[in-house]
PDB file of N, CA and C in Angstrom:
ATOM      1  N   MET A   1      11.245   7.783  -7.255  1.00  0.00           N
ATOM      2  CA  MET A   1       9.822   7.579  -6.860  1.00  0.00           C
ATOM      3  C   MET A   1       9.571   8.165  -5.436  1.00  0.00           C
ATOM      4  N   PHE A   2      10.695   7.602  -4.450  1.00  0.00           N
ATOM      5  CA  PHE A   2      10.199   7.851  -2.977  1.00  0.00           C
ATOM      6  C   PHE A   2      10.232   9.284  -2.586  1.00  0.00           C
ATOM      7  N   ASN A   3      10.996  10.200  -3.606  1.00  0.00           N
ATOM      8  CA  ASN A   3      11.160  11.443  -3.492  1.00  0.00           C
ATOM      9  C   ASN A   3       9.863  12.186  -3.831  1.00  0.00           C
ATOM     10  N   PHE A   4       8.969  11.658  -4.897  1.00  0.00           N
ATOM     11  CA  PHE A   4       7.590  12.332  -5.139  1.00  0.00           C
ATOM     12  C   PHE A   4       6.833  11.773  -4.000  1.00  0.00           C
ATOM     13  N   PHE A   5       6.834  10.765  -3.412  1.00  0.00           N
ATOM     14  CA  PHE A   5       5.911  10.190  -2.432  1.00  0.00           C
ATOM     15  C   PHE A   5       6.097  11.303  -1.075  1.00  0.00           C
ATOM     16  N   GLU A   6       7.333  11.663  -0.830  1.00  0.00           N
ATOM     17  CA  GLU A   6       7.517  12.166   0.238  1.00  0.00           C
ATOM     18  C   GLU A   6       6.970  13.820  -0.191  1.00  0.00           C
ATOM     19  N   ARG A   7       7.255  14.281  -1.262  1.00  0.00           N
ATOM     20  CA  ARG A   7       6.457  15.539  -1.597  1.00  0.00           C
ATOM     21  C   ARG A   7       5.121  15.412  -1.372  1.00  0.00           C
ATOM     22  N   GLN A   8       4.484  14.465  -1.792  1.00  0.00           N
ATOM     23  CA  GLN A   8       2.958  14.415  -1.703  1.00  0.00           C
ATOM     24  C   GLN A   8       2.531  14.272  -0.193  1.00  0.00           C
ATOM     25  N   ILE A   9       3.361  13.241   0.459  1.00  0.00           N
ATOM     26  CA  ILE A   9       2.633  13.468   1.947  1.00  0.00           C
ATOM     27  C   ILE A   9       3.234  14.759   2.562  1.00  0.00           C
ATOM     28  N   ALA A  10       4.213  15.555   2.216  1.00  0.00           N
ATOM     29  CA  ALA A  10       4.456  16.705   2.734  1.00  0.00           C
ATOM     30  C   ALA A  10       3.363  17.673   2.504  1.00  0.00           C
ATOM     31  N   GLU A  11       2.747  17.448   1.328  1.00  0.00           N
ATOM     32  CA  GLU A  11       1.657  18.698   1.059  1.00  0.00           C
ATOM     33  C   GLU A  11       0.458  18.008   1.767  1.00  0.00           C
ATOM     34  N   HIS A  12       0.096  16.625   1.945  1.00  0.00           N
ATOM     35  CA  HIS A  12      -1.192  16.459   2.724  1.00  0.00           C
ATOM     36  C   HIS A  12      -0.892  16.846   4.214  1.00  0.00           C
ATOM     37  N   MET A  13       0.493  16.776   4.712  1.00  0.00           N
ATOM     38  CA  MET A  13       0.929  17.168   5.994  1.00  0.00           C
ATOM     39  C   MET A  13       0.403  18.632   6.158  1.00  0.00           C
ATOM     40  N   SER A  14       0.594  19.508   5.251  1.00  0.00           N
ATOM     41  CA  SER A  14       0.349  20.814   5.367  1.00  0.00           C
ATOM     42  C   SER A  14      -1.124  21.169   5.289  1.00  0.00           C
ATOM     43  N   LYS A  15      -2.073  20.276   4.923  1.00  0.00           N
ATOM     44  CA  LYS A  15      -3.200  20.597   4.672  1.00  0.00           C
ATOM     45  C   LYS A  15      -4.146  19.608   5.499  1.00  0.00           C
ATOM     46  N   VAL A  16      -3.718  18.748   6.098  1.00  0.00           N
ATOM     47  CA  VAL A  16      -4.683  17.874   6.843  1.00  0.00           C
ATOM     48  C   VAL A  16      -5.155  18.489   7.739  1.00  0.00           C
ATOM     49  N   ASP A  17      -6.770  18.408   7.801  1.00  0.00           N
ATOM     50  CA  ASP A  17      -7.859  18.686   8.685  1.00  0.00           C
ATOM     51  C   ASP A  17      -8.172  17.617   9.698  1.00  0.00           C
ATOM     52  N   TYR A  18      -7.838  17.530  10.855  1.00  0.00           N
ATOM     53  CA  TYR A  18      -7.876  16.563  11.898  1.00  0.00           C
ATOM     54  C   TYR A  18      -9.087  16.526  12.220  1.00  0.00           C
ATOM     55  N   ASN A  19     -10.025  17.500  12.159  1.00  0.00           N
ATOM     56  CA  ASN A  19     -11.610  17.721  12.573  1.00  0.00           C
ATOM     57  C   ASN A  19     -12.360  17.022  11.442  1.00  0.00           C
ATOM     58  N   SER A  20     -12.200  16.913  10.418  1.00  0.00           N
ATOM     59  CA  SER A  20     -12.951  16.288   9.226  1.00  0.00           C
ATOM     60  C   SER A  20     -12.794  14.702   8.878  1.00  0.00           C
ATOM     61  N   GLU A  21     -13.425  14.121   8.100  1.00  0.00           N
ATOM     62  CA  GLU A  21     -13.062  13.030   7.672  1.00  0.00           C
ATOM     63  C   GLU A  21     -11.912  12.848   6.683  1.00  0.00           C
ATOM     64  N   PRO A  22     -11.297  11.643   6.783  1.00  0.00           N
ATOM     65  CA  PRO A  22      -9.943  11.685   5.810  1.00  0.00           C
ATOM     66  C   PRO A  22     -10.384  11.719   4.149  1.00  0.00           C
ATOM     67  N   THR A  23      -9.809  12.280   3.385  1.00  0.00           N
ATOM     68  CA  THR A  23     -10.058  12.276   2.080  1.00  0.00           C
ATOM     69  C   THR A  23      -9.524  11.195   1.106  1.00  0.00           C
ATOM     70  N   ASP A  24      -8.363  10.508   1.883  1.00  0.00           N
ATOM     71  CA  ASP A  24      -7.603   9.547   1.358  1.00  0.00           C
ATOM     72  C   ASP A  24      -6.875   8.607   2.232  1.00  0.00           C
ATOM     73  N   TYR A  25      -5.893   7.831   1.525  1.00  0.00           N
ATOM     74  CA  TYR A  25      -5.396   6.885   2.447  1.00  0.00           C
ATOM     75  C   TYR A  25      -4.368   7.408   3.227  1.00  0.00           C
ATOM     76  N   VAL A  26      -3.467   8.532   2.666  1.00  0.00           N
ATOM     77  CA  VAL A  26      -2.534   9.373   3.166  1.00  0.00           C
ATOM     78  C   VAL A  26      -3.266  10.026   4.310  1.00  0.00           C
ATOM     79  N   ASP A  27      -4.146  10.798   4.234  1.00  0.00           N
ATOM     80  CA  ASP A  27      -4.786  11.482   5.463  1.00  0.00           C
ATOM     81  C   ASP A  27      -5.110  10.612   6.580  1.00  0.00           C
ATOM     82  N   ALA A  28      -5.569   9.304   6.137  1.00  0.00           N
ATOM     83  CA  ALA A  28      -6.085   8.544   7.213  1.00  0.00           C
ATOM     84  C   ALA A  28      -4.938   7.882   7.957  1.00  0.00           C
ATOM     85  N   PHE A  29      -3.794   7.552   7.275  1.00  0.00           N
ATOM     86  CA  PHE A  29      -2.547   7.020   7.861  1.00  0.00           C
ATOM     87  C   PHE A  29      -1.660   8.246   8.809  1.00  0.00           C
ATOM     88  N   LEU A  30      -1.950   9.626   8.211  1.00  0.00           N
ATOM     89  CA  LEU A  30      -1.408  10.698   9.125  1.00  0.00           C
ATOM     90  C   LEU A  30      -2.157  10.775  10.256  1.00  0.00           C
ATOM     91  N   ARG A  31      -3.438  10.834  10.169  1.00  0.00           N
ATOM     92  CA  ARG A  31      -4.284  10.674  11.183  1.00  0.00           C
ATOM     93  C   ARG A  31      -3.976   9.555  12.525  1.00  0.00           C
ATOM     94  N   GLU A  32      -3.674   8.329  11.857  1.00  0.00           N
ATOM     95  CA  GLU A  32      -3.580   7.196  12.559  1.00  0.00           C
ATOM     96  C   GLU A  32      -1.962   7.324  13.338  1.00  0.00           C
ATOM     97  N   ILE A  33      -1.086   7.887  12.723  1.00  0.00           N
ATOM     98  CA  ILE A  33       0.116   8.321  13.335  1.00  0.00           C
ATOM     99  C   ILE A  33      -0.103   9.158  14.557  1.00  0.00           C
ATOM    100  N   THR A  34      -0.740  10.281  14.040  1.00  0.00           N
ATOM    101  CA  THR A  34      -1.007  11.451  15.311  1.00  0.00           C
ATOM    102  C   THR A  34      -1.569  10.552  16.598  1.00  0.00           C
ATOM    103  N   LYS A  35      -2.780  10.032  16.285  1.00  0.00           N
ATOM    104  CA  LYS A  35      -3.439   8.996  17.286  1.00  0.00           C
ATOM    105  C   LYS A  35      -2.653   8.472  18.284  1.00  0.00           C
ATOM    106  N   ARG A  36      -1.836   7.475  17.283  1.00  0.00           N
ATOM    107  CA  ARG A  36      -0.943   6.758  18.124  1.00  0.00           C
ATOM    108  C   ARG A  36       0.122   7.180  18.954  1.00  0.00           C
ATOM    109  N   ASP A  37       0.764   8.395  18.416  1.00  0.00           N
ATOM    110  CA  ASP A  37       1.863   9.153  19.154  1.00  0.00           C
ATOM    111  C   ASP A  37       1.501   9.872  20.315  1.00  0.00           C
ATOM    112  N   LYS A  38       0.270   9.979  20.302  1.00  0.00           N
ATOM    113  CA  LYS A  38      -0.558  10.615  21.598  1.00  0.00           C
ATOM    114  C   LYS A  38      -0.759   9.596  22.807  1.00  0.00           C
ATOM    115  N   GLU A  39      -0.852   8.280  22.230  1.00  0.00           N
ATOM    116  CA  GLU A  39      -1.116   7.324  23.080  1.00  0.00           C
ATOM    117  C   GLU A  39       0.528   6.900  23.572  1.00  0.00           C
ATOM    118  N   ASP A  40       1.336   7.553  23.177  1.00  0.00           N
ATOM    119  CA  ASP A  40       2.784   7.084  23.751  1.00  0.00           C
ATOM    120  C   ASP A  40       3.245   5.428  23.773  1.00  0.00           C
ATOM    121  N   GLU A  41       2.739   4.972  22.843  1.00  0.00           N
ATOM    122  CA  GLU A  41       3.079   3.532  22.813  1.00  0.00           C
ATOM    123  C   GLU A  41       3.730   3.009  21.589  1.00  0.00           C
ATOM    124  N   PRO A  42       4.768   1.883  21.726  1.00  0.00           N
ATOM    125  CA  PRO A  42       5.111   1.579  20.343  1.00  0.00           C
ATOM    126  C   PRO A  42       4.105   1.164  19.186  1.00  0.00           C
ATOM    127  N   HIS A  43       4.282   1.486  18.006  1.00  0.00           N
ATOM    128  CA  HIS A  43       3.332   1.251  16.841  1.00  0.00           C
ATOM    129  C   HIS A  43       4.087   1.334  15.679  1.00  0.00           C
ATOM    130  N   TYR A  44       3.407   0.719  14.678  1.00  0.00           N
ATOM    131  CA  TYR A  44       4.310   0.579  13.124  1.00  0.00           C
ATOM    132  C   TYR A  44       3.646   1.938  12.282  1.00  0.00           C
ATOM    133  N   TYR A  45       2.762   2.780  12.815  1.00  0.00           N
ATOM    134  CA  TYR A  45       2.576   3.701  11.911  1.00  0.00           C
ATOM    135  C   TYR A  45       3.584   4.805  11.919  1.00  0.00           C
ATOM    136  N   THR A  46       4.473   4.826  11.174  1.00  0.00           N
ATOM    137  CA  THR A  46       5.567   5.701  10.891  1.00  0.00           C
ATOM    138  C   THR A  46       5.582   6.255   9.437  1.00  0.00           C
ATOM    139  N   MET A  47       6.511   7.268   9.331  1.00  0.00           N
ATOM    140  CA  MET A  47       6.480   7.960   7.990  1.00  0.00           C
ATOM    141  C   MET A  47       7.150   6.799   6.995  1.00  0.00           C
ATOM    142  N   PRO A  48       8.222   6.167   7.578  1.00  0.00           N
ATOM    143  CA  PRO A  48       8.927   5.156   6.458  1.00  0.00           C
ATOM    144  C   PRO A  48       7.905   4.048   6.049  1.00  0.00           C
ATOM    145  N   GLN A  49       7.107   3.656   7.194  1.00  0.00           N
ATOM    146  CA  GLN A  49       5.871   2.886   6.506  1.00  0.00           C
ATOM    147  C   GLN A  49       4.922   3.174   5.615  1.00  0.00           C
ATOM    148  N   LEU A  50       4.636   4.409   5.973  1.00  0.00           N
ATOM    149  CA  LEU A  50       3.668   5.135   4.982  1.00  0.00           C
ATOM    150  C   LEU A  50       4.277   5.228   3.417  1.00  0.00           C
ATOM    151  N   LEU A  51       5.513   5.758   3.414  1.00  0.00           N
ATOM    152  CA  LEU A  51       6.284   5.637   2.230  1.00  0.00           C
ATOM    153  C   LEU A  51       6.291   4.247   1.525  1.00  0.00           C
ATOM    154  N   ASN A  52       6.582   3.346   2.215  1.00  0.00           N
ATOM    155  CA  ASN A  52       6.514   1.830   1.727  1.00  0.00           C
ATOM    156  C   ASN A  52       5.214   1.473   1.159  1.00  0.00           C
ATOM    157  N   MET A  53       4.213   1.829   2.064  1.00  0.00           N
ATOM    158  CA  MET A  53       3.004   1.595   1.679  1.00  0.00           C
ATOM    159  C   MET A  53       2.459   2.344   0.379  1.00  0.00           C
ATOM    160  N   CYS A  54       2.867   3.426   0.363  1.00  0.00           N
ATOM    161  CA  CYS A  54       2.609   4.352  -0.884  1.00  0.00           C
ATOM    162  C   CYS A  54       2.930   3.639  -2.136  1.00  0.00           C
ATOM    163  N   PHE A  55       4.222   3.165  -2.098  1.00  0.00           N
ATOM    164  CA  PHE A  55       5.140   2.547  -3.094  1.00  0.00           C
ATOM    165  C   PHE A  55       4.390   1.150  -3.417  1.00  0.00           C
ATOM    166  N   ASP A  56       4.091   0.315  -2.521  1.00  0.00           N
ATOM    167  CA  ASP A  56       3.306  -1.105  -2.758  1.00  0.00           C
ATOM    168  C   ASP A  56       2.170  -0.654  -3.493  1.00  0.00           C
ATOM    169  N   LEU A  57       1.389   0.458  -3.162  1.00  0.00           N
ATOM    170  CA  LEU A  57      -0.101   0.545  -3.591  1.00  0.00           C
ATOM    171  C   LEU A  57       0.323   1.130  -5.153  1.00  0.00           C
ATOM    172  N   TRP A  58       1.248   1.821  -5.181  1.00  0.00           N
ATOM    173  CA  TRP A  58       1.686   2.269  -6.909  1.00  0.00           C
ATOM    174  C   TRP A  58       1.996   1.075  -7.620  1.00  0.00           C
ATOM    175  N   ILE A  59       2.914   0.283  -7.417  1.00  0.00           N
ATOM    176  CA  ILE A  59       2.811  -0.971  -8.003  1.00  0.00           C
ATOM    177  C   ILE A  59       1.737  -1.922  -8.177  1.00  0.00           C
ATOM    178  N   ALA A  60       1.156  -1.904  -7.277  1.00  0.00           N
ATOM    179  CA  ALA A  60      -0.255  -2.839  -7.253  1.00  0.00           C
ATOM    180  C   ALA A  60      -1.114  -2.264  -8.510  1.00  0.00           C
ATOM    181  N   GLY A  61      -1.052  -0.846  -8.340  1.00  0.00           N
ATOM    182  CA  GLY A  61      -1.656  -0.248  -9.577  1.00  0.00           C
ATOM    183  C   GLY A  61      -1.321  -0.353 -10.960  1.00  0.00           C
ATOM    184  N   GLN A  62       0.262  -0.318 -10.963  1.00  0.00           N
ATOM    185  CA  GLN A  62       0.740  -0.543 -12.211  1.00  0.00           C
ATOM    186  C   GLN A  62       0.238  -2.042 -12.838  1.00  0.00           C
ATOM    187  N   ILE A  63       0.468  -3.070 -12.152  1.00  0.00           N
ATOM    188  CA  ILE A  63      -0.008  -4.461 -12.702  1.00  0.00           C
ATOM    189  C   ILE A  63      -1.451  -4.527 -12.816  1.00  0.00           C
ATOM    190  N   THR A  64      -2.556  -3.793 -12.159  1.00  0.00           N
ATOM    191  CA  THR A  64      -3.925  -4.039 -12.316  1.00  0.00           C
ATOM    192  C   THR A  64      -4.168  -2.956 -13.356  1.00  0.00           C
ATOM    193  N   ALA A  65      -3.598  -2.128 -13.463  1.00  0.00           N
ATOM    194  CA  ALA A  65      -4.075  -0.899 -14.391  1.00  0.00           C
ATOM    195  C   ALA A  65      -3.571  -1.163 -16.080  1.00  0.00           C
ATOM    196  N   THR A  66      -2.997  -2.372 -15.994  1.00  0.00           N
ATOM    197  CA  THR A  66      -2.546  -2.926 -17.383  1.00  0.00           C
ATOM    198  C   THR A  66      -3.076  -4.168 -17.702  1.00  0.00           C
ATOM    199  N   PRO A  67      -4.399  -4.043 -18.074  1.00  0.00           N
ATOM    200  CA  PRO A  67      -5.032  -5.486 -18.627  1.00  0.00           C
ATOM    201  C   PRO A  67      -4.772  -6.143 -19.416  1.00  0.00           C
ATOM    202  N   GLY A  68      -3.720  -5.784 -20.554  1.00  0.00           N
ATOM    203  CA  GLY A  68      -3.161  -6.441 -21.392  1.00  0.00           C
ATOM    204  C   GLY A  68      -2.288  -7.515 -20.945  1.00  0.00           C
ATOM    205  N   LYS A  69      -1.558  -7.239 -19.861  1.00  0.00           N
ATOM    206  CA  LYS A  69      -0.842  -8.076 -19.085  1.00  0.00           C
ATOM    207  C   LYS A  69      -1.412  -9.167 -18.280  1.00  0.00           C
ATOM    208  N   MET A  70      -2.604  -8.973 -18.157  1.00  0.00           N
ATOM    209  CA  MET A  70      -3.407  -9.990 -17.185  1.00  0.00           C
ATOM    210  C   MET A  70      -3.441 -11.247 -17.433  1.00  0.00           C
ATOM    211  N   PRO A  71      -3.852 -11.673 -19.186  1.00  0.00           N
ATOM    212  CA  PRO A  71      -3.658 -13.192 -19.426  1.00  0.00           C
ATOM    213  C   PRO A  71      -2.288 -13.699 -19.128  1.00  0.00           C
ATOM    214  N   SER A  72      -1.441 -12.909 -19.501  1.00  0.00           N
ATOM    215  CA  SER A  72       0.011 -13.404 -19.431  1.00  0.00           C
ATOM    216  C   SER A  72       0.193 -14.064 -17.565  1.00  0.00           C
ATOM    217  N   LEU A  73      -0.046 -13.136 -16.913  1.00  0.00           N
ATOM    218  CA  LEU A  73       0.012 -13.365 -15.437  1.00  0.00           C
ATOM    219  C   LEU A  73      -0.676 -14.150 -15.154  1.00  0.00           C
ATOM    220  N   GLU A  74      -1.772 -14.601 -15.477  1.00  0.00           N
ATOM    221  CA  GLU A  74      -2.831 -15.676 -15.021  1.00  0.00           C
ATOM    222  C   GLU A  74      -2.214 -17.025 -15.627  1.00  0.00           C
ATOM    223  N   ARG A  75      -1.545 -17.113 -16.901  1.00  0.00           N
ATOM    224  CA  ARG A  75      -1.049 -17.904 -17.368  1.00  0.00           C
ATOM    225  C   ARG A  75       0.288 -18.543 -16.382  1.00  0.00           C
ATOM    226  N   LYS A  76       1.041 -17.622 -16.091  1.00  0.00           N
ATOM    227  CA  LYS A  76       1.945 -17.825 -15.343  1.00  0.00           C
ATOM    228  C   LYS A  76       1.669 -18.449 -13.882  1.00  0.00           C
ATOM    229  N   PHE A  77       0.544 -17.657 -13.460  1.00  0.00           N
ATOM    230  CA  PHE A  77       0.167 -18.257 -12.118  1.00  0.00           C
ATOM    231  C   PHE A  77      -0.517 -19.596 -12.024  1.00  0.00           C
ATOM    232  N   ASP A  78      -1.233 -19.733 -13.274  1.00  0.00           N
ATOM    233  CA  ASP A  78      -1.609 -21.304 -13.320  1.00  0.00           C
ATOM    234  C   ASP A  78      -0.719 -22.327 -13.523  1.00  0.00           C
ATOM    235  N   ALA A  79       0.282 -21.926 -14.131  1.00  0.00           N
ATOM    236  CA  ALA A  79       1.617 -22.841 -14.347  1.00  0.00           C
ATOM    237  C   ALA A  79       1.915 -23.337 -13.216  1.00  0.00           C
ATOM    238  N   ILE A  80       2.074 -22.041 -12.200  1.00  0.00           N
ATOM    239  CA  ILE A  80       2.866 -22.340 -10.677  1.00  0.00           C
ATOM    240  C   ILE A  80       1.997 -23.238  -9.966  1.00  0.00           C
ATOM    241  N   ILE A  81       0.740 -22.851  -9.832  1.00  0.00           N
ATOM    242  CA  ILE A  81      -0.314 -23.400  -9.059  1.00  0.00           C
ATOM    243  C   ILE A  81      -1.043 -24.511  -9.290  1.00  0.00           C
ATOM    244  N   ALA A  82      -1.462 -24.363 -10.478  1.00  0.00           N
ATOM    245  CA  ALA A  82      -2.504 -25.535 -10.827  1.00  0.00           C
ATOM    246  C   ALA A  82      -1.773 -26.712 -11.104  1.00  0.00           C
ATOM    247  N   PRO A  83      -2.688 -27.898 -10.858  1.00  0.00           N
ATOM    248  CA  PRO A  83      -4.078 -27.814 -10.928  1.00  0.00           C
ATOM    249  C   PRO A  83      -4.535 -27.919  -9.488  1.00  0.00           C
ATOM    250  N   GLN A  84      -3.711 -27.634  -8.640  1.00  0.00           N
ATOM    251  CA  GLN A  84      -4.102 -27.430  -6.976  1.00  0.00           C
ATOM    252  C   GLN A  84      -5.082 -26.423  -6.770  1.00  0.00           C
ATOM    253  N   PRO A  85      -6.107 -26.463  -5.698  1.00  0.00           N
ATOM    254  CA  PRO A  85      -6.760 -25.413  -5.463  1.00  0.00           C
ATOM    255  C   PRO A  85      -5.917 -24.173  -5.028  1.00  0.00           C
ATOM    256  N   TYR A  86      -6.494 -23.283  -4.940  1.00  0.00           N
ATOM    257  CA  TYR A  86      -6.038 -22.004  -4.572  1.00  0.00           C
ATOM    258  C   TYR A  86      -6.154 -21.753  -3.002  1.00  0.00           C
ATOM    259  N   THR A  87      -4.870 -21.553  -2.188  1.00  0.00           N
ATOM    260  CA  THR A  87      -5.060 -21.521  -1.070  1.00  0.00           C
ATOM    261  C   THR A  87      -4.014 -20.477  -0.340  1.00  0.00           C
ATOM    262  N   CYS A  88      -4.245 -19.915   0.758  1.00  0.00           N
ATOM    263  CA  CYS A  88      -3.220 -19.248   1.538  1.00  0.00           C
ATOM    264  C   CYS A  88      -1.816 -19.743   1.728  1.00  0.00           C
ATOM    265  N   ASN A  89      -1.910 -21.130   1.644  1.00  0.00           N
ATOM    266  CA  ASN A  89      -0.700 -21.961   2.130  1.00  0.00           C
ATOM    267  C   ASN A  89       0.041 -22.517   1.101  1.00  0.00           C
ATOM    268  N   ILE A  90       0.100 -22.006  -0.020  1.00  0.00           N
ATOM    269  CA  ILE A  90       0.967 -22.264  -1.037  1.00  0.00           C
ATOM    270  C   ILE A  90       2.404 -21.757  -1.002  1.00  0.00           C
ATOM    271  N   GLN A  91       3.427 -22.809  -1.178  1.00  0.00           N
ATOM    272  CA  GLN A  91       4.721 -22.216  -0.903  1.00  0.00           C
ATOM    273  C   GLN A  91       5.393 -21.799  -2.133  1.00  0.00           C
ATOM    274  N   ASN A  92       6.511 -21.021  -2.116  1.00  0.00           N
ATOM    275  CA  ASN A  92       6.971 -20.375  -3.317  1.00  0.00           C
ATOM    276  C   ASN A  92       7.786 -21.746  -4.152  1.00  0.00           C
ATOM    277  N   ARG A  93       7.488 -21.628  -5.440  1.00  0.00           N
ATOM    278  CA  ARG A  93       7.879 -22.714  -6.251  1.00  0.00           C
ATOM    279  C   ARG A  93       8.585 -22.328  -7.202  1.00  0.00           C
ATOM    280  N   TYR A  94       9.236 -21.242  -7.304  1.00  0.00           N
ATOM    281  CA  TYR A  94      10.075 -20.896  -8.255  1.00  0.00           C
ATOM    282  C   TYR A  94      11.745 -21.545  -8.296  1.00  0.00           C
TER     283      TYR A  94
END
């Protein structure tokens, strides 16, 4: 999977136009890498980070693009969380 992302990113790198608006997430990220590198300060905009972000977005798309799985996921979520209110402070309960 990462080989696929690497090829796609390389293609973006060969076509990126820094004088126009970014066309997608990868373009925006590549621009940010270039900008931060010019500032010559430590930052987290790196190629490994971009690869991992692409993977995360791909995985997220797999879940949300499969509506038939949503009721099952909702039941599992409700079994773990309910009847408590949904907050950002919920601990792992597995």
